[in-house]
Amino acid sequence: MTPFHLKIVTPDGMIFDGQAEELIVRTVGGDVAILARHIDYVAPSVSGGEVTLVPTTFEWADKIDVDRAEASYQRADKILHDQNASGTELKLAEARLHRALVRKSVASKQ
């Protein structure tokens, strides 16, 4: 595969600045694979042959703590089944549950 320049920048700073051959990102419209010479695309962004990914959070797949993700999933699931949980608690638990599922899914594909 032909490499392209990739930058990954989070609110915490530059995570990666180098060459990549393929980038698969999850967008609100579904997963998108980006290869060299991809058309300009904003979802985060591909412009002028360079890719800049600007996620709100980022984790390398091999650094995901699966046990921690499972514990987070269990805590969130418990709140979602709590009939006394407030609307805010339920929304936060849904977000935590979703993050835990994504982390577990990504970690299992290594």
N, C-alpha and C. Protein backbone atom coordinates (compact mmCIF):
# COMPACT_ATOMS: atom_id res chain seq x y z
N MET A 1 0.83 -1.19 0.00
CA MET A 1 0.00 0.00 0.00
C MET A 1 0.87 1.24 0.00
N THR A 2 0.33 2.29 -0.55
CA THR A 2 1.03 3.57 -0.59
C THR A 2 0.79 4.33 0.71
N PRO A 3 1.85 4.80 1.35
CA PRO A 3 1.66 5.54 2.61
C PRO A 3 1.21 6.99 2.37
N PHE A 4 0.64 7.58 3.40
CA PHE A 4 0.25 8.99 3.38
C PHE A 4 0.59 9.60 4.73
N HIS A 5 0.62 10.92 4.78
CA HIS A 5 0.96 11.61 6.03
C HIS A 5 -0.28 11.68 6.92
N LEU A 6 -0.15 11.29 8.17
CA LEU A 6 -1.25 11.28 9.13
C LEU A 6 -0.84 12.01 10.39
N LYS A 7 -1.72 12.88 10.85
CA LYS A 7 -1.56 13.51 12.16
C LYS A 7 -2.79 13.17 12.97
N ILE A 8 -2.58 12.82 14.23
CA ILE A 8 -3.69 12.61 15.16
C ILE A 8 -3.48 13.60 16.30
N VAL A 9 -4.43 14.52 16.43
CA VAL A 9 -4.34 15.59 17.42
C VAL A 9 -5.58 15.55 18.31
N THR A 10 -5.38 15.44 19.62
CA THR A 10 -6.48 15.45 20.58
C THR A 10 -6.38 16.71 21.42
N PRO A 11 -7.35 16.96 22.28
CA PRO A 11 -7.23 18.11 23.19
C PRO A 11 -5.98 18.03 24.08
N ASP A 12 -5.43 16.82 24.26
CA ASP A 12 -4.23 16.64 25.06
C ASP A 12 -2.94 16.88 24.27
N GLY A 13 -3.05 17.06 22.95
CA GLY A 13 -1.87 17.33 22.14
C GLY A 13 -1.72 16.35 21.00
N MET A 14 -0.56 16.42 20.32
CA MET A 14 -0.25 15.56 19.18
C MET A 14 -0.02 14.13 19.68
N ILE A 15 -0.77 13.20 19.12
CA ILE A 15 -0.64 11.79 19.49
C ILE A 15 0.25 11.06 18.49
N PHE A 16 0.13 11.45 17.21
CA PHE A 16 0.88 10.77 16.15
C PHE A 16 1.12 11.75 15.02
N ASP A 17 2.32 11.71 14.44
CA ASP A 17 2.67 12.52 13.28
C ASP A 17 3.64 11.71 12.46
N GLY A 18 3.12 11.03 11.44
CA GLY A 18 3.98 10.15 10.65
C GLY A 18 3.25 9.57 9.46
N GLN A 19 3.77 8.48 8.95
CA GLN A 19 3.22 7.83 7.77
C GLN A 19 2.26 6.71 8.17
N ALA A 20 1.23 6.55 7.37
CA ALA A 20 0.25 5.47 7.57
C ALA A 20 -0.14 4.93 6.20
N GLU A 21 -0.59 3.70 6.17
CA GLU A 21 -1.06 3.11 4.91
C GLU A 21 -2.57 3.03 4.86
N GLU A 22 -3.22 2.98 6.01
CA GLU A 22 -4.67 2.87 6.07
C GLU A 22 -5.14 3.42 7.40
N LEU A 23 -6.28 4.08 7.37
CA LEU A 23 -6.90 4.61 8.58
C LEU A 23 -8.37 4.26 8.52
N ILE A 24 -8.86 3.60 9.55
CA ILE A 24 -10.29 3.29 9.63
C ILE A 24 -10.85 4.09 10.79
N VAL A 25 -11.82 4.94 10.51
CA VAL A 25 -12.41 5.79 11.54
C VAL A 25 -13.91 5.55 11.61
N ARG A 26 -14.43 5.65 12.80
CA ARG A 26 -15.87 5.53 13.01
C ARG A 26 -16.45 6.92 12.99
N THR A 27 -17.37 7.18 12.08
CA THR A 27 -18.04 8.47 11.97
C THR A 27 -19.51 8.28 12.29
N VAL A 28 -20.24 9.38 12.39
CA VAL A 28 -21.68 9.26 12.66
C VAL A 28 -22.39 8.56 11.52
N GLY A 29 -21.79 8.58 10.33
CA GLY A 29 -22.38 7.91 9.16
C GLY A 29 -21.90 6.49 8.97
N GLY A 30 -21.05 6.01 9.86
CA GLY A 30 -20.51 4.66 9.74
C GLY A 30 -19.00 4.68 9.66
N ASP A 31 -18.40 3.50 9.54
CA ASP A 31 -16.94 3.40 9.46
C ASP A 31 -16.48 3.81 8.07
N VAL A 32 -15.32 4.49 8.02
CA VAL A 32 -14.74 4.94 6.76
C VAL A 32 -13.27 4.52 6.75
N ALA A 33 -12.84 3.90 5.65
CA ALA A 33 -11.43 3.56 5.47
C ALA A 33 -10.81 4.60 4.56
N ILE A 34 -9.67 5.14 4.99
CA ILE A 34 -8.97 6.16 4.22
C ILE A 34 -7.63 5.58 3.80
N LEU A 35 -7.36 5.64 2.49
CA LEU A 35 -6.10 5.19 1.93
C LEU A 35 -5.41 6.37 1.27
N ALA A 36 -4.19 6.16 0.79
CA ALA A 36 -3.48 7.22 0.08
C ALA A 36 -4.30 7.68 -1.13
N ARG A 37 -4.19 8.95 -1.45
CA ARG A 37 -4.89 9.59 -2.59
C ARG A 37 -6.41 9.56 -2.43
N HIS A 38 -6.89 9.49 -1.20
CA HIS A 38 -8.33 9.55 -0.92
C HIS A 38 -8.85 10.93 -1.32
N ILE A 39 -10.07 11.00 -1.77
CA ILE A 39 -10.64 12.31 -2.09
C ILE A 39 -10.74 13.14 -0.82
N ASP A 40 -10.79 14.45 -0.96
CA ASP A 40 -10.96 15.31 0.22
C ASP A 40 -12.23 14.88 0.95
N TYR A 41 -12.12 14.80 2.24
CA TYR A 41 -13.21 14.26 3.05
C TYR A 41 -13.18 14.93 4.41
N VAL A 42 -14.31 15.39 4.86
CA VAL A 42 -14.36 16.01 6.18
C VAL A 42 -15.27 15.17 7.06
N ALA A 43 -14.61 14.49 8.00
CA ALA A 43 -15.40 13.71 8.95
C ALA A 43 -14.60 13.10 10.06
N PRO A 44 -13.45 13.44 10.30
CA PRO A 44 -12.70 14.64 10.62
C PRO A 44 -12.13 15.33 9.37
N SER A 45 -10.96 14.93 8.74
CA SER A 45 -10.54 15.67 7.54
C SER A 45 -9.45 14.97 6.76
N VAL A 46 -9.59 15.08 5.45
CA VAL A 46 -8.56 14.68 4.50
C VAL A 46 -8.49 15.83 3.52
N SER A 47 -7.35 16.47 3.43
CA SER A 47 -7.23 17.62 2.54
C SER A 47 -5.82 17.69 1.98
N GLY A 48 -5.72 17.85 0.66
CA GLY A 48 -4.42 17.99 0.03
C GLY A 48 -3.52 16.79 0.21
N GLY A 49 -4.09 15.60 0.32
CA GLY A 49 -3.29 14.39 0.47
C GLY A 49 -2.80 14.13 1.89
N GLU A 50 -3.14 14.98 2.83
CA GLU A 50 -2.78 14.77 4.23
C GLU A 50 -4.04 14.51 5.05
N VAL A 51 -3.88 13.70 6.07
CA VAL A 51 -5.01 13.38 6.94
C VAL A 51 -4.72 13.95 8.32
N THR A 52 -5.68 14.69 8.85
CA THR A 52 -5.60 15.15 10.23
C THR A 52 -6.83 14.65 10.95
N LEU A 53 -6.62 13.76 11.89
CA LEU A 53 -7.70 13.20 12.69
C LEU A 53 -7.76 13.99 13.98
N VAL A 54 -8.95 14.50 14.32
CA VAL A 54 -9.11 15.33 15.51
C VAL A 54 -10.21 14.73 16.39
N PRO A 55 -9.87 13.63 17.08
CA PRO A 55 -10.86 13.01 17.96
C PRO A 55 -10.91 13.72 19.31
N THR A 56 -12.02 13.59 20.00
CA THR A 56 -12.09 14.15 21.35
C THR A 56 -11.31 13.29 22.32
N THR A 57 -11.22 11.98 22.05
CA THR A 57 -10.39 11.08 22.83
C THR A 57 -9.72 10.11 21.87
N PHE A 58 -8.67 9.46 22.34
CA PHE A 58 -7.94 8.53 21.49
C PHE A 58 -7.21 7.51 22.35
N GLU A 59 -7.25 6.25 21.92
CA GLU A 59 -6.50 5.19 22.58
C GLU A 59 -5.96 4.26 21.51
N TRP A 60 -4.70 3.84 21.67
CA TRP A 60 -4.16 2.81 20.79
C TRP A 60 -4.81 1.49 21.18
N ALA A 61 -5.18 0.68 20.19
CA ALA A 61 -5.88 -0.57 20.45
C ALA A 61 -5.12 -1.47 21.42
N ASP A 62 -3.79 -1.54 21.29
CA ASP A 62 -3.03 -2.44 22.16
C ASP A 62 -2.83 -1.90 23.57
N LYS A 63 -3.30 -0.68 23.83
CA LYS A 63 -3.20 -0.09 25.17
C LYS A 63 -4.52 -0.13 25.93
N ILE A 64 -5.56 -0.67 25.30
CA ILE A 64 -6.88 -0.72 25.96
C ILE A 64 -6.86 -1.76 27.07
N ASP A 65 -7.29 -1.35 28.24
CA ASP A 65 -7.40 -2.23 29.40
C ASP A 65 -8.78 -2.89 29.35
N VAL A 66 -8.82 -4.12 28.86
CA VAL A 66 -10.09 -4.81 28.66
C VAL A 66 -10.81 -5.04 29.99
N ASP A 67 -10.07 -5.35 31.04
CA ASP A 67 -10.70 -5.56 32.36
C ASP A 67 -11.37 -4.27 32.85
N ARG A 68 -10.69 -3.14 32.62
CA ARG A 68 -11.26 -1.85 33.02
C ARG A 68 -12.51 -1.54 32.19
N ALA A 69 -12.46 -1.84 30.90
CA ALA A 69 -13.63 -1.62 30.04
C ALA A 69 -14.80 -2.49 30.49
N GLU A 70 -14.51 -3.73 30.86
CA GLU A 70 -15.57 -4.63 31.34
C GLU A 70 -16.16 -4.13 32.65
N ALA A 71 -15.32 -3.64 33.55
CA ALA A 71 -15.81 -3.10 34.82
C ALA A 71 -16.68 -1.87 34.58
N SER A 72 -16.28 -1.02 33.65
CA SER A 72 -17.07 0.16 33.31
C SER A 72 -18.41 -0.24 32.72
N TYR A 73 -18.38 -1.26 31.87
CA TYR A 73 -19.62 -1.79 31.28
C TYR A 73 -20.57 -2.28 32.37
N GLN A 74 -20.04 -3.03 33.32
CA GLN A 74 -20.87 -3.59 34.40
C GLN A 74 -21.48 -2.48 35.27
N ARG A 75 -20.67 -1.45 35.59
CA ARG A 75 -21.19 -0.33 36.40
C ARG A 75 -22.29 0.41 35.64
N ALA A 76 -22.07 0.66 34.36
CA ALA A 76 -23.06 1.37 33.56
C ALA A 76 -24.33 0.55 33.43
N ASP A 77 -24.19 -0.74 33.19
CA ASP A 77 -25.35 -1.62 33.04
C ASP A 77 -26.17 -1.64 34.33
N LYS A 78 -25.51 -1.63 35.47
CA LYS A 78 -26.21 -1.62 36.77
C LYS A 78 -27.05 -0.34 36.91
N ILE A 79 -26.48 0.80 36.52
CA ILE A 79 -27.22 2.07 36.60
C ILE A 79 -28.40 2.06 35.65
N LEU A 80 -28.20 1.52 34.45
CA LEU A 80 -29.29 1.49 33.46
C LEU A 80 -30.47 0.63 33.92
N HIS A 81 -30.20 -0.31 34.80
CA HIS A 81 -31.29 -1.16 35.33
C HIS A 81 -31.81 -0.67 36.68
N ASP A 82 -31.30 0.46 37.15
CA ASP A 82 -31.74 1.03 38.42
C ASP A 82 -32.96 1.91 38.18
N GLN A 83 -34.09 1.53 38.70
CA GLN A 83 -35.33 2.28 38.48
C GLN A 83 -35.31 3.64 39.18
N ASN A 84 -34.40 3.85 40.10
CA ASN A 84 -34.31 5.13 40.81
C ASN A 84 -33.27 6.08 40.20
N ALA A 85 -32.62 5.65 39.11
CA ALA A 85 -31.60 6.50 38.49
C ALA A 85 -32.25 7.71 37.84
N SER A 86 -31.58 8.85 37.94
CA SER A 86 -32.11 10.08 37.33
C SER A 86 -31.83 10.06 35.83
N GLY A 87 -32.46 10.96 35.13
CA GLY A 87 -32.25 11.08 33.69
C GLY A 87 -30.80 11.35 33.34
N THR A 88 -30.15 12.20 34.13
CA THR A 88 -28.74 12.51 33.91
C THR A 88 -27.88 11.28 34.13
N GLU A 89 -28.17 10.54 35.20
CA GLU A 89 -27.41 9.31 35.47
C GLU A 89 -27.57 8.30 34.34
N LEU A 90 -28.79 8.21 33.81
CA LEU A 90 -29.03 7.27 32.71
C LEU A 90 -28.29 7.67 31.45
N LYS A 91 -28.26 8.96 31.12
CA LYS A 91 -27.53 9.42 29.93
C LYS A 91 -26.04 9.18 30.07
N LEU A 92 -25.49 9.47 31.25
CA LEU A 92 -24.07 9.22 31.48
C LEU A 92 -23.76 7.73 31.41
N ALA A 93 -24.64 6.91 31.95
CA ALA A 93 -24.43 5.46 31.92
C ALA A 93 -24.49 4.93 30.49
N GLU A 94 -25.39 5.46 29.69
CA GLU A 94 -25.47 5.06 28.27
C GLU A 94 -24.16 5.39 27.56
N ALA A 95 -23.62 6.57 27.81
CA ALA A 95 -22.36 6.97 27.17
C ALA A 95 -21.22 6.06 27.63
N ARG A 96 -21.17 5.76 28.93
CA ARG A 96 -20.12 4.88 29.46
C ARG A 96 -20.24 3.47 28.87
N LEU A 97 -21.48 3.00 28.77
CA LEU A 97 -21.72 1.67 28.21
C LEU A 97 -21.24 1.62 26.77
N HIS A 98 -21.57 2.65 25.99
CA HIS A 98 -21.15 2.71 24.59
C HIS A 98 -19.62 2.72 24.48
N ARG A 99 -18.95 3.56 25.28
CA ARG A 99 -17.47 3.62 25.25
C ARG A 99 -16.87 2.26 25.60
N ALA A 100 -17.44 1.62 26.61
CA ALA A 100 -16.92 0.31 27.03
C ALA A 100 -17.08 -0.72 25.91
N LEU A 101 -18.22 -0.70 25.24
CA LEU A 101 -18.45 -1.65 24.14
C LEU A 101 -17.48 -1.39 22.98
N VAL A 102 -17.24 -0.13 22.67
CA VAL A 102 -16.29 0.20 21.59
C VAL A 102 -14.89 -0.26 21.98
N ARG A 103 -14.48 0.02 23.20
CA ARG A 103 -13.14 -0.40 23.65
C ARG A 103 -12.99 -1.91 23.58
N LYS A 104 -13.99 -2.63 24.07
CA LYS A 104 -13.92 -4.09 24.03
C LYS A 104 -13.88 -4.60 22.60
N SER A 105 -14.65 -4.00 21.72
CA SER A 105 -14.69 -4.40 20.32
C SER A 105 -13.34 -4.16 19.64
N VAL A 106 -12.77 -2.99 19.87
CA VAL A 106 -11.48 -2.66 19.26
C VAL A 106 -10.40 -3.59 19.80
N ALA A 107 -10.37 -3.82 21.08
CA ALA A 107 -9.35 -4.66 21.68
C ALA A 107 -9.45 -6.10 21.18
N SER A 108 -10.65 -6.57 20.88
CA SER A 108 -10.83 -7.96 20.43
C SER A 108 -10.37 -8.16 18.98
N LYS A 109 -10.15 -7.09 18.23
CA LYS A 109 -9.76 -7.21 16.82
C LYS A 109 -8.25 -7.19 16.63
N GLN A 110 -7.51 -7.27 17.72
CA GLN A 110 -6.03 -7.28 17.60
C GLN A 110 -5.53 -8.65 17.27
